[in-house]
Protein backbone atom coordinates (compact mmCIF):
# COMPACT_ATOMS: atom_id res chain seq x y z
CA MET A 1 27.40 -32.85 -4.07
CA LYS A 2 29.31 -36.10 -3.60
CA ILE A 3 32.80 -36.72 -4.96
CA GLY A 4 34.38 -40.14 -5.35
CA VAL A 5 38.09 -40.79 -4.91
CA LEU A 6 39.43 -43.85 -6.73
CA ALA A 7 40.86 -45.94 -3.91
CA VAL A 8 42.49 -48.97 -5.51
CA GLN A 9 45.99 -47.57 -4.79
CA GLY A 10 47.72 -44.29 -4.05
CA ALA A 11 47.07 -41.08 -2.10
CA PHE A 12 43.28 -41.27 -1.90
CA LEU A 13 43.08 -40.49 1.84
CA GLU A 14 44.86 -37.16 1.34
CA HIS A 15 42.31 -36.08 -1.27
CA ARG A 16 39.48 -37.04 1.08
CA ALA A 17 41.07 -34.95 3.82
CA ALA A 18 41.25 -31.93 1.50
CA LEU A 19 37.57 -32.34 0.59
CA ASP A 20 36.70 -32.67 4.27
CA MET A 21 38.36 -29.29 4.86
CA LEU A 22 35.92 -27.83 2.33
CA GLY A 23 32.90 -29.62 3.81
CA ILE A 24 32.38 -31.77 0.69
CA PRO A 25 31.29 -35.41 1.22
CA SER A 26 33.52 -37.98 -0.46
CA VAL A 27 33.55 -41.76 -0.82
CA GLU A 28 36.21 -44.30 -1.73
CA ILE A 29 35.60 -46.02 -5.08
CA ARG A 30 36.76 -49.58 -5.76
CA LEU A 31 33.90 -51.17 -7.72
CA PRO A 32 31.89 -50.07 -10.80
CA GLY A 33 28.57 -49.82 -9.00
CA GLN A 34 29.95 -47.20 -6.64
CA LEU A 35 30.20 -44.68 -9.50
CA GLU A 36 26.45 -44.41 -9.98
CA ASP A 37 25.49 -41.51 -7.70
CA LEU A 38 28.69 -39.47 -7.89
CA ASP A 39 28.96 -35.91 -9.18
CA GLY A 40 32.72 -36.10 -9.82
CA LEU A 41 35.74 -38.34 -9.39
CA ILE A 42 39.38 -37.84 -8.38
CA ILE A 43 42.06 -40.30 -9.54
CA PRO A 44 44.95 -39.89 -7.08
CA GLY A 45 48.69 -40.12 -7.36
CA GLY A 46 50.36 -43.45 -6.77
CA GLU A 47 51.75 -45.89 -9.33
CA SER A 48 49.92 -45.58 -12.64
CA THR A 49 50.67 -49.10 -13.89
CA THR A 50 49.33 -50.61 -10.67
CA ILE A 51 46.25 -48.39 -10.73
CA GLY A 52 45.56 -49.44 -14.32
CA LYS A 53 46.01 -53.15 -13.65
CA LEU A 54 43.79 -53.06 -10.58
CA CYS A 55 41.10 -51.19 -12.53
CA VAL A 56 41.22 -53.99 -15.12
CA ASP A 57 40.96 -56.61 -12.35
CA TYR A 58 37.98 -54.84 -10.74
CA GLY A 59 36.17 -54.27 -14.05
CA LEU A 60 36.49 -50.50 -13.72
CA LEU A 61 38.07 -49.43 -17.02
CA ASP A 62 34.96 -49.15 -19.19
CA PRO A 63 32.73 -47.79 -16.37
CA LEU A 64 35.36 -45.11 -15.66
CA ARG A 65 35.51 -44.18 -19.34
CA GLU A 66 31.72 -43.87 -19.50
CA PHE A 67 31.68 -41.82 -16.30
CA SER A 68 34.34 -39.42 -17.61
CA ARG A 69 32.33 -38.75 -20.77
CA GLN A 70 29.58 -37.20 -18.65
CA LYS A 71 31.04 -36.12 -15.31
CA ALA A 72 34.06 -34.19 -14.05
CA VAL A 73 37.22 -36.26 -13.47
CA TRP A 74 40.55 -35.05 -12.06
CA GLY A 75 43.77 -37.03 -12.31
CA THR A 76 46.76 -36.08 -10.13
CA CYS A 77 50.29 -37.36 -10.94
CA ALA A 78 49.71 -41.09 -11.65
CA GLY A 79 46.06 -40.19 -12.18
CA ALA A 80 47.11 -37.75 -14.90
CA ILE A 81 49.00 -40.57 -16.61
CA PHE A 82 46.03 -42.94 -16.29
CA LEU A 83 43.67 -40.31 -17.75
CA SER A 84 45.90 -39.61 -20.76
CA LYS A 85 45.83 -41.03 -24.28
CA GLN A 86 49.57 -41.66 -24.50
CA ALA A 87 52.17 -42.55 -21.86
CA HIS A 88 54.76 -44.28 -24.10
CA ARG A 89 54.55 -47.51 -22.16
CA GLU A 90 52.41 -50.63 -22.33
CA GLN A 91 49.92 -50.14 -19.51
CA PRO A 92 46.15 -49.78 -19.13
CA LEU A 93 45.01 -46.18 -19.67
CA LEU A 94 41.59 -44.58 -19.70
CA GLY A 95 42.68 -42.67 -22.82
CA MET A 96 40.07 -39.96 -22.25
CA MET A 97 42.20 -36.82 -22.16
CA ASP A 98 44.09 -35.70 -25.27
CA THR A 99 47.42 -35.46 -23.48
CA GLU A 100 50.78 -37.12 -24.02
CA ILE A 101 52.67 -37.84 -20.82
CA ASP A 102 56.41 -38.10 -20.24
CA ARG A 103 56.59 -40.43 -17.25
CA ASN A 104 59.14 -39.62 -14.52
CA ALA A 105 60.18 -36.52 -16.46
CA PHE A 106 61.70 -34.92 -13.36
CA GLY A 107 63.62 -37.98 -12.23
CA ARG A 108 63.36 -40.44 -9.36
CA GLN A 109 61.92 -40.14 -5.85
CA VAL A 110 65.11 -38.42 -4.64
CA ASP A 111 64.56 -35.72 -7.27
CA SER A 112 61.22 -34.66 -5.76
CA PHE A 113 60.81 -30.91 -5.25
CA GLU A 114 58.39 -28.05 -4.65
CA ALA A 115 57.81 -25.04 -6.89
CA ASP A 116 55.55 -21.98 -7.03
CA LEU A 117 53.13 -22.02 -9.96
CA TYR A 118 50.83 -19.38 -11.38
CA VAL A 119 47.66 -21.18 -12.43
CA ASN A 120 45.01 -19.83 -14.79
CA GLY A 121 41.55 -20.00 -13.26
CA LEU A 122 42.47 -20.58 -9.63
CA GLU A 123 40.91 -18.31 -7.04
CA ASP A 124 43.34 -15.45 -6.37
CA GLU A 125 45.42 -16.58 -9.35
CA GLN A 126 48.00 -13.87 -8.74
CA ARG A 127 48.99 -15.75 -5.58
CA PRO A 128 51.28 -18.67 -6.49
CA PHE A 129 50.31 -22.25 -5.76
CA ARG A 130 53.06 -24.20 -3.98
CA ALA A 131 53.12 -27.45 -5.95
CA VAL A 132 54.65 -30.70 -4.68
CA PHE A 133 56.32 -32.81 -7.40
CA ILE A 134 57.08 -36.42 -6.42
CA ARG A 135 58.66 -38.58 -9.14
CA ALA A 136 56.54 -36.42 -11.35
CA PRO A 137 55.55 -36.85 -14.98
CA LEU A 138 55.19 -33.96 -17.42
CA ILE A 139 52.46 -33.21 -19.92
CA ALA A 140 54.63 -33.35 -23.04
CA ALA A 141 51.93 -32.44 -25.58
CA VAL A 142 48.24 -31.59 -25.69
CA GLY A 143 45.53 -31.70 -28.33
CA GLU A 144 43.70 -28.63 -29.66
CA SER A 145 40.80 -29.07 -27.23
CA VAL A 146 43.08 -29.02 -24.17
CA GLN A 147 43.65 -25.78 -22.23
CA THR A 148 47.00 -25.28 -20.51
CA LEU A 149 46.50 -24.07 -16.93
CA ALA A 150 50.09 -23.99 -15.65
CA ARG A 151 53.67 -24.45 -16.83
CA ILE A 152 56.98 -24.87 -15.08
CA GLU A 153 60.40 -23.74 -16.21
CA SER A 154 63.26 -26.24 -16.49
CA TRP A 155 64.27 -27.76 -13.17
CA ASN A 156 67.67 -29.23 -12.26
CA ASP A 157 68.56 -29.73 -15.91
CA ARG A 158 65.16 -31.33 -16.57
CA PRO A 159 62.95 -29.83 -19.27
CA GLY A 160 60.07 -27.58 -18.32
CA GLY A 161 56.60 -27.69 -19.77
CA ILE A 162 52.92 -28.14 -19.00
CA VAL A 163 52.04 -29.33 -15.50
CA ALA A 164 48.27 -28.66 -15.35
CA ALA A 165 45.67 -28.82 -18.09
CA ARG A 166 41.93 -29.01 -18.65
CA GLN A 167 39.82 -30.54 -21.39
CA GLY A 168 36.14 -29.78 -20.81
CA GLN A 169 35.14 -31.74 -17.71
CA LEU A 170 38.58 -33.38 -17.40
CA LEU A 171 41.42 -31.98 -15.26
CA SER A 172 45.04 -33.14 -15.15
CA THR A 173 47.78 -32.09 -12.71
CA VAL A 174 51.17 -33.82 -12.57
CA PHE A 175 51.84 -32.61 -9.03
CA HIS A 176 50.07 -33.28 -5.70
CA PRO A 177 47.68 -30.50 -4.54
CA GLU A 178 46.36 -32.87 -1.86
CA LEU A 179 49.72 -32.72 -0.02
CA THR A 180 49.40 -29.00 0.77
CA ASP A 181 47.08 -26.93 2.95
CA ASP A 182 46.09 -24.87 -0.11
CA THR A 183 42.68 -26.15 -1.23
CA ARG A 184 42.31 -23.90 -4.28
CA PHE A 185 42.72 -26.77 -6.77
CA HIS A 186 40.02 -28.77 -5.00
CA GLN A 187 37.83 -25.65 -5.07
CA TYR A 188 38.55 -25.35 -8.81
CA PHE A 189 37.47 -28.96 -9.32
CA ILE A 190 34.29 -28.36 -7.34
CA ARG A 191 33.46 -25.45 -9.67
CA MET A 192 34.06 -27.77 -12.65
CA ILE A 193 31.56 -30.25 -11.17
CA GLU A 194 29.02 -27.44 -10.70
CA GLU A 195 29.48 -26.41 -14.34
CA THR A 196 29.04 -30.01 -15.52
CA THR A 197 26.31 -31.32 -13.22
CA PHE A 198 24.15 -28.60 -11.74
């Protein structure tokens, strides 16, 4: 198994470190040809508008869309925005996951926080996952084909809602699993790849 991590901008090194902990080879992806022999792809957190513009510049938008029709793709934070169909702002999106995103739903960088989540499908799902939210978006709405994996209650007068979702081979989390020592989300994604590819 080989997993790519989109490396045009954002927290790609942290995802690679998490995969290293699990003994899974990973490569940094910046050009369309690098997608060819991958089994799955992670789109990291960062700045979604910048990620989108750089993907346009590097000719990655259509190759990424084609890849995500066949292989497992996981978007975290900005990656979840980039993967969505609607972000209520003019910016390049893959538009592959039937999710509507409320950008910066929890406020600015100074409003970042951590919270315990109970996540459907994680190994030992009765044990909470400590999620790191940094200038986080929220999944405001999902289509009928999208499964909600985790929700959060309202936080500091901000509305609660969906924070993790899956649509077939596509996974979306608005927080940063790569910034914790808990690798269960990466393990979950590896199982998705096995379901899709092997």
